[in-house]
Amino acid sequence: MTTTMKEPDMFGNDAEFLLSLHRTHAAELRAEAATDRLARSLTRRVGRGWLGRRQQAARSDDVRR
């Protein structure tokens, strides 16, 4: 009589693992979508360059001359 032993399958179809993986991914996608919605809903400040204030000061000095 021969008994065949099935080797453990490392990447088997463990339903609970696959379901938890799916739920985790879905939660990440929902969080990313919420972050994107929040970013779009906020008003954007007009950004100045890193020399913005110096350039404005230089222009006001030019007007005085």
PDB file of N, CA and C in Angstrom:
ATOM      1  N   MET A   1       0.851  -1.164   0.000  1.00  0.00           N
ATOM      2  CA  MET A   1       0.000   0.000   0.000  1.00  0.00           C
ATOM      3  C   MET A   1       0.905   1.238   0.000  1.00  0.00           C
ATOM      4  N   THR A   2       0.663   2.075  -0.942  1.00  0.00           N
ATOM      5  CA  THR A   2       1.455   3.301  -0.998  1.00  0.00           C
ATOM      6  C   THR A   2       0.596   4.471  -0.580  1.00  0.00           C
ATOM      7  N   THR A   3       1.178   5.267   0.243  1.00  0.00           N
ATOM      8  CA  THR A   3       0.449   6.473   0.667  1.00  0.00           C
ATOM      9  C   THR A   3       1.128   7.659  -0.001  1.00  0.00           C
ATOM     10  N   THR A   4       0.366   8.397  -0.681  1.00  0.00           N
ATOM     11  CA  THR A   4       0.915   9.582  -1.328  1.00  0.00           C
ATOM     12  C   THR A   4       0.659  10.778  -0.440  1.00  0.00           C
ATOM     13  N   MET A   5       1.732  11.436  -0.123  1.00  0.00           N
ATOM     14  CA  MET A   5       1.605  12.630   0.717  1.00  0.00           C
ATOM     15  C   MET A   5       1.635  13.853  -0.189  1.00  0.00           C
ATOM     16  N   LYS A   6       0.710  14.693   0.013  1.00  0.00           N
ATOM     17  CA  LYS A   6       0.664  15.924  -0.775  1.00  0.00           C
ATOM     18  C   LYS A   6       1.605  16.940  -0.134  1.00  0.00           C
ATOM     19  N   GLU A   7       2.458  17.503  -0.965  1.00  0.00           N
ATOM     20  CA  GLU A   7       3.375  18.519  -0.461  1.00  0.00           C
ATOM     21  C   GLU A   7       2.613  19.796  -0.169  1.00  0.00           C
ATOM     22  N   PRO A   8       3.040  20.521   0.864  1.00  0.00           N
ATOM     23  CA  PRO A   8       2.354  21.789   1.161  1.00  0.00           C
ATOM     24  C   PRO A   8       2.520  22.768   0.015  1.00  0.00           C
ATOM     25  N   ASP A   9       1.454  23.381  -0.331  1.00  0.00           N
ATOM     26  CA  ASP A   9       1.458  24.346  -1.432  1.00  0.00           C
ATOM     27  C   ASP A   9       1.644  25.745  -0.854  1.00  0.00           C
ATOM     28  N   MET A  10       2.798  26.352  -1.108  1.00  0.00           N
ATOM     29  CA  MET A  10       3.088  27.668  -0.527  1.00  0.00           C
ATOM     30  C   MET A  10       2.134  28.743  -1.031  1.00  0.00           C
ATOM     31  N   PHE A  11       1.769  28.635  -2.279  1.00  0.00           N
ATOM     32  CA  PHE A  11       0.933  29.665  -2.886  1.00  0.00           C
ATOM     33  C   PHE A  11      -0.436  29.093  -3.223  1.00  0.00           C
ATOM     34  N   GLY A  12      -0.998  28.433  -2.276  1.00  0.00           N
ATOM     35  CA  GLY A  12      -2.300  27.810  -2.486  1.00  0.00           C
ATOM     36  C   GLY A  12      -3.423  28.826  -2.495  1.00  0.00           C
ATOM     37  N   ASN A  13      -4.586  28.350  -2.745  1.00  0.00           N
ATOM     38  CA  ASN A  13      -5.770  29.212  -2.783  1.00  0.00           C
ATOM     39  C   ASN A  13      -6.421  29.245  -1.405  1.00  0.00           C
ATOM     40  N   ASP A  14      -5.759  29.865  -0.470  1.00  0.00           N
ATOM     41  CA  ASP A  14      -6.324  30.018   0.869  1.00  0.00           C
ATOM     42  C   ASP A  14      -7.364  31.132   0.787  1.00  0.00           C
ATOM     43  N   ALA A  15      -8.615  30.761   0.888  1.00  0.00           N
ATOM     44  CA  ALA A  15      -9.703  31.714   0.665  1.00  0.00           C
ATOM     45  C   ALA A  15      -9.662  32.874   1.657  1.00  0.00           C
ATOM     46  N   GLU A  16      -9.373  32.589   2.904  1.00  0.00           N
ATOM     47  CA  GLU A  16      -9.342  33.671   3.901  1.00  0.00           C
ATOM     48  C   GLU A  16      -8.203  34.649   3.623  1.00  0.00           C
ATOM     49  N   PHE A  17      -7.038  34.116   3.232  1.00  0.00           N
ATOM     50  CA  PHE A  17      -5.906  34.976   2.904  1.00  0.00           C
ATOM     51  C   PHE A  17      -6.224  35.848   1.697  1.00  0.00           C
ATOM     52  N   LEU A  18      -6.772  35.247   0.649  1.00  0.00           N
ATOM     53  CA  LEU A  18      -7.101  36.016  -0.557  1.00  0.00           C
ATOM     54  C   LEU A  18      -8.146  37.083  -0.263  1.00  0.00           C
ATOM     55  N   LEU A  19      -9.117  36.749   0.567  1.00  0.00           N
ATOM     56  CA  LEU A  19     -10.154  37.717   0.915  1.00  0.00           C
ATOM     57  C   LEU A  19      -9.572  38.871   1.726  1.00  0.00           C
ATOM     58  N   SER A  20      -8.687  38.563   2.668  1.00  0.00           N
ATOM     59  CA  SER A  20      -8.078  39.641   3.455  1.00  0.00           C
ATOM     60  C   SER A  20      -7.179  40.500   2.577  1.00  0.00           C
ATOM     61  N   LEU A  21      -6.476  39.885   1.641  1.00  0.00           N
ATOM     62  CA  LEU A  21      -5.650  40.650   0.702  1.00  0.00           C
ATOM     63  C   LEU A  21      -6.513  41.577  -0.154  1.00  0.00           C
ATOM     64  N   HIS A  22      -7.633  41.065  -0.626  1.00  0.00           N
ATOM     65  CA  HIS A  22      -8.556  41.870  -1.424  1.00  0.00           C
ATOM     66  C   HIS A  22      -9.107  43.037  -0.607  1.00  0.00           C
ATOM     67  N   ARG A  23      -9.501  42.765   0.626  1.00  0.00           N
ATOM     68  CA  ARG A  23     -10.060  43.828   1.478  1.00  0.00           C
ATOM     69  C   ARG A  23      -9.017  44.895   1.781  1.00  0.00           C
ATOM     70  N   THR A  24      -7.782  44.477   2.033  1.00  0.00           N
ATOM     71  CA  THR A  24      -6.708  45.431   2.307  1.00  0.00           C
ATOM     72  C   THR A  24      -6.470  46.322   1.097  1.00  0.00           C
ATOM     73  N   HIS A  25      -6.416  45.713  -0.068  1.00  0.00           N
ATOM     74  CA  HIS A  25      -6.189  46.491  -1.294  1.00  0.00           C
ATOM     75  C   HIS A  25      -7.349  47.435  -1.554  1.00  0.00           C
ATOM     76  N   ALA A  26      -8.563  46.967  -1.353  1.00  0.00           N
ATOM     77  CA  ALA A  26      -9.740  47.818  -1.553  1.00  0.00           C
ATOM     78  C   ALA A  26      -9.720  48.999  -0.581  1.00  0.00           C
ATOM     79  N   ALA A  27      -9.316  48.756   0.665  1.00  0.00           N
ATOM     80  CA  ALA A  27      -9.238  49.839   1.649  1.00  0.00           C
ATOM     81  C   ALA A  27      -8.173  50.856   1.248  1.00  0.00           C
ATOM     82  N   GLU A  28      -7.050  50.377   0.729  1.00  0.00           N
ATOM     83  CA  GLU A  28      -6.003  51.292   0.270  1.00  0.00           C
ATOM     84  C   GLU A  28      -6.494  52.146  -0.892  1.00  0.00           C
ATOM     85  N   LEU A  29      -7.220  51.540  -1.805  1.00  0.00           N
ATOM     86  CA  LEU A  29      -7.759  52.293  -2.941  1.00  0.00           C
ATOM     87  C   LEU A  29      -8.769  53.340  -2.479  1.00  0.00           C
ATOM     88  N   ARG A  30      -9.613  52.975  -1.512  1.00  0.00           N
ATOM     89  CA  ARG A  30     -10.583  53.940  -0.990  1.00  0.00           C
ATOM     90  C   ARG A  30      -9.880  55.099  -0.294  1.00  0.00           C
ATOM     91  N   ALA A  31      -8.841  54.807   0.473  1.00  0.00           N
ATOM     92  CA  ALA A  31      -8.097  55.866   1.160  1.00  0.00           C
ATOM     93  C   ALA A  31      -7.413  56.789   0.164  1.00  0.00           C
ATOM     94  N   GLU A  32      -6.854  56.221  -0.886  1.00  0.00           N
ATOM     95  CA  GLU A  32      -6.200  57.034  -1.913  1.00  0.00           C
ATOM     96  C   GLU A  32      -7.216  57.921  -2.631  1.00  0.00           C
ATOM     97  N   ALA A  33      -8.387  57.381  -2.925  1.00  0.00           N
ATOM     98  CA  ALA A  33      -9.429  58.169  -3.585  1.00  0.00           C
ATOM     99  C   ALA A  33      -9.902  59.302  -2.671  1.00  0.00           C
ATOM    100  N   ALA A  34     -10.035  59.019  -1.378  1.00  0.00           N
ATOM    101  CA  ALA A  34     -10.457  60.058  -0.434  1.00  0.00           C
ATOM    102  C   ALA A  34      -9.402  61.162  -0.346  1.00  0.00           C
ATOM    103  N   THR A  35      -8.131  60.790  -0.357  1.00  0.00           N
ATOM    104  CA  THR A  35      -7.052  61.778  -0.327  1.00  0.00           C
ATOM    105  C   THR A  35      -7.092  62.654  -1.568  1.00  0.00           C
ATOM    106  N   ASP A  36      -7.313  62.038  -2.719  1.00  0.00           N
ATOM    107  CA  ASP A  36      -7.401  62.801  -3.969  1.00  0.00           C
ATOM    108  C   ASP A  36      -8.592  63.760  -3.943  1.00  0.00           C
ATOM    109  N   ARG A  37      -9.740  63.288  -3.447  1.00  0.00           N
ATOM    110  CA  ARG A  37     -10.919  64.161  -3.372  1.00  0.00           C
ATOM    111  C   ARG A  37     -10.658  65.343  -2.446  1.00  0.00           C
ATOM    112  N   LEU A  38     -10.031  65.084  -1.314  1.00  0.00           N
ATOM    113  CA  LEU A  38      -9.727  66.154  -0.377  1.00  0.00           C
ATOM    114  C   LEU A  38      -8.765  67.163  -0.991  1.00  0.00           C
ATOM    115  N   ALA A  39      -7.756  66.681  -1.678  1.00  0.00           N
ATOM    116  CA  ALA A  39      -6.781  67.572  -2.303  1.00  0.00           C
ATOM    117  C   ALA A  39      -7.444  68.446  -3.371  1.00  0.00           C
ATOM    118  N   ARG A  40      -8.400  67.875  -4.109  1.00  0.00           N
ATOM    119  CA  ARG A  40      -9.088  68.671  -5.142  1.00  0.00           C
ATOM    120  C   ARG A  40     -10.055  69.675  -4.532  1.00  0.00           C
ATOM    121  N   SER A  41     -10.582  69.378  -3.340  1.00  0.00           N
ATOM    122  CA  SER A  41     -11.575  70.265  -2.747  1.00  0.00           C
ATOM    123  C   SER A  41     -10.944  71.481  -2.067  1.00  0.00           C
ATOM    124  N   LEU A  42      -9.671  71.379  -1.704  1.00  0.00           N
ATOM    125  CA  LEU A  42      -9.010  72.499  -1.036  1.00  0.00           C
ATOM    126  C   LEU A  42      -8.627  73.563  -2.052  1.00  0.00           C
ATOM    127  N   THR A  43      -8.715  74.817  -1.629  1.00  0.00           N
ATOM    128  CA  THR A  43      -8.311  75.885  -2.530  1.00  0.00           C
ATOM    129  C   THR A  43      -6.799  75.916  -2.599  1.00  0.00           C
ATOM    130  N   ARG A  44      -6.311  76.189  -3.768  1.00  0.00           N
ATOM    131  CA  ARG A  44      -4.865  76.221  -3.947  1.00  0.00           C
ATOM    132  C   ARG A  44      -4.348  77.629  -3.739  1.00  0.00           C
ATOM    133  N   ARG A  45      -3.288  77.713  -2.953  1.00  0.00           N
ATOM    134  CA  ARG A  45      -2.651  79.003  -2.759  1.00  0.00           C
ATOM    135  C   ARG A  45      -1.770  79.291  -3.960  1.00  0.00           C
ATOM    136  N   VAL A  46      -1.710  80.551  -4.314  1.00  0.00           N
ATOM    137  CA  VAL A  46      -0.857  80.925  -5.433  1.00  0.00           C
ATOM    138  C   VAL A  46       0.576  80.873  -4.933  1.00  0.00           C
ATOM    139  N   GLY A  47       1.327  79.988  -5.495  1.00  0.00           N
ATOM    140  CA  GLY A  47       2.695  79.815  -5.044  1.00  0.00           C
ATOM    141  C   GLY A  47       3.626  80.820  -5.692  1.00  0.00           C
ATOM    142  N   ARG A  48       4.579  81.246  -4.910  1.00  0.00           N
ATOM    143  CA  ARG A  48       5.618  82.113  -5.449  1.00  0.00           C
ATOM    144  C   ARG A  48       6.891  81.310  -5.543  1.00  0.00           C
ATOM    145  N   GLY A  49       7.778  81.777  -6.390  1.00  0.00           N
ATOM    146  CA  GLY A  49       9.072  81.123  -6.485  1.00  0.00           C
ATOM    147  C   GLY A  49       9.874  81.378  -5.219  1.00  0.00           C
ATOM    148  N   TRP A  50      11.002  80.732  -5.097  1.00  0.00           N
ATOM    149  CA  TRP A  50      11.802  80.888  -3.887  1.00  0.00           C
ATOM    150  C   TRP A  50      12.416  82.271  -3.807  1.00  0.00           C
ATOM    151  N   LEU A  51      12.417  83.010  -4.916  1.00  0.00           N
ATOM    152  CA  LEU A  51      12.894  84.390  -4.911  1.00  0.00           C
ATOM    153  C   LEU A  51      11.736  85.380  -4.940  1.00  0.00           C
ATOM    154  N   GLY A  52      10.521  84.904  -4.705  1.00  0.00           N
ATOM    155  CA  GLY A  52       9.335  85.741  -4.859  1.00  0.00           C
ATOM    156  C   GLY A  52       9.394  87.063  -4.116  1.00  0.00           C
ATOM    157  N   ARG A  53       9.749  87.053  -2.859  1.00  0.00           N
ATOM    158  CA  ARG A  53       9.760  88.300  -2.076  1.00  0.00           C
ATOM    159  C   ARG A  53      10.865  89.228  -2.537  1.00  0.00           C
ATOM    160  N   ARG A  54      12.017  88.680  -2.859  1.00  0.00           N
ATOM    161  CA  ARG A  54      13.116  89.522  -3.338  1.00  0.00           C
ATOM    162  C   ARG A  54      12.750  90.201  -4.653  1.00  0.00           C
ATOM    163  N   GLN A  55      12.082  89.457  -5.509  1.00  0.00           N
ATOM    164  CA  GLN A  55      11.690  90.044  -6.789  1.00  0.00           C
ATOM    165  C   GLN A  55      10.661  91.149  -6.572  1.00  0.00           C
ATOM    166  N   GLN A  56       9.729  90.940  -5.648  1.00  0.00           N
ATOM    167  CA  GLN A  56       8.748  91.990  -5.363  1.00  0.00           C
ATOM    168  C   GLN A  56       9.434  93.204  -4.754  1.00  0.00           C
ATOM    169  N   ALA A  57      10.392  93.003  -3.853  1.00  0.00           N
ATOM    170  CA  ALA A  57      11.108  94.118  -3.239  1.00  0.00           C
ATOM    171  C   ALA A  57      11.912  94.858  -4.307  1.00  0.00           C
ATOM    172  N   ALA A  58      12.506  94.152  -5.207  1.00  0.00           N
ATOM    173  CA  ALA A  58      13.286  94.788  -6.260  1.00  0.00           C
ATOM    174  C   ALA A  58      12.382  95.640  -7.163  1.00  0.00           C
ATOM    175  N   ARG A  59      11.231  95.164  -7.453  1.00  0.00           N
ATOM    176  CA  ARG A  59      10.300  95.926  -8.281  1.00  0.00           C
ATOM    177  C   ARG A  59       9.835  97.189  -7.583  1.00  0.00           C
ATOM    178  N   SER A  60       9.569  97.095  -6.271  1.00  0.00           N
ATOM    179  CA  SER A  60       9.120  98.305  -5.549  1.00  0.00           C
ATOM    180  C   SER A  60      10.265  99.302  -5.462  1.00  0.00           C
ATOM    181  N   ASP A  61      11.519  98.833  -5.357  1.00  0.00           N
ATOM    182  CA  ASP A  61      12.658  99.739  -5.358  1.00  0.00           C
ATOM    183  C   ASP A  61      12.822 100.421  -6.718  1.00  0.00           C
ATOM    184  N   ASP A  62      12.558  99.658  -7.771  1.00  0.00           N
ATOM    185  CA  ASP A  62      12.676 100.234  -9.110  1.00  0.00           C
ATOM    186  C   ASP A  62      11.664 101.343  -9.321  1.00  0.00           C
ATOM    187  N   VAL A  63      10.482 101.204  -8.747  1.00  0.00           N
ATOM    188  CA  VAL A  63       9.434 102.201  -8.920  1.00  0.00           C
ATOM    189  C   VAL A  63       9.822 103.498  -8.200  1.00  0.00           C
ATOM    190  N   ARG A  64      10.510 103.378  -7.078  1.00  0.00           N
ATOM    191  CA  ARG A  64      10.890 104.560  -6.311  1.00  0.00           C
ATOM    192  C   ARG A  64      11.908 105.420  -7.051  1.00  0.00           C
ATOM    193  N   ARG A  65      12.738 104.838  -7.893  1.00  0.00           N
ATOM    194  CA  ARG A  65      13.792 105.582  -8.568  1.00  0.00           C
ATOM    195  C   ARG A  65      13.295 106.480  -9.642  1.00  0.00           C
TER     196      ARG A  65
END
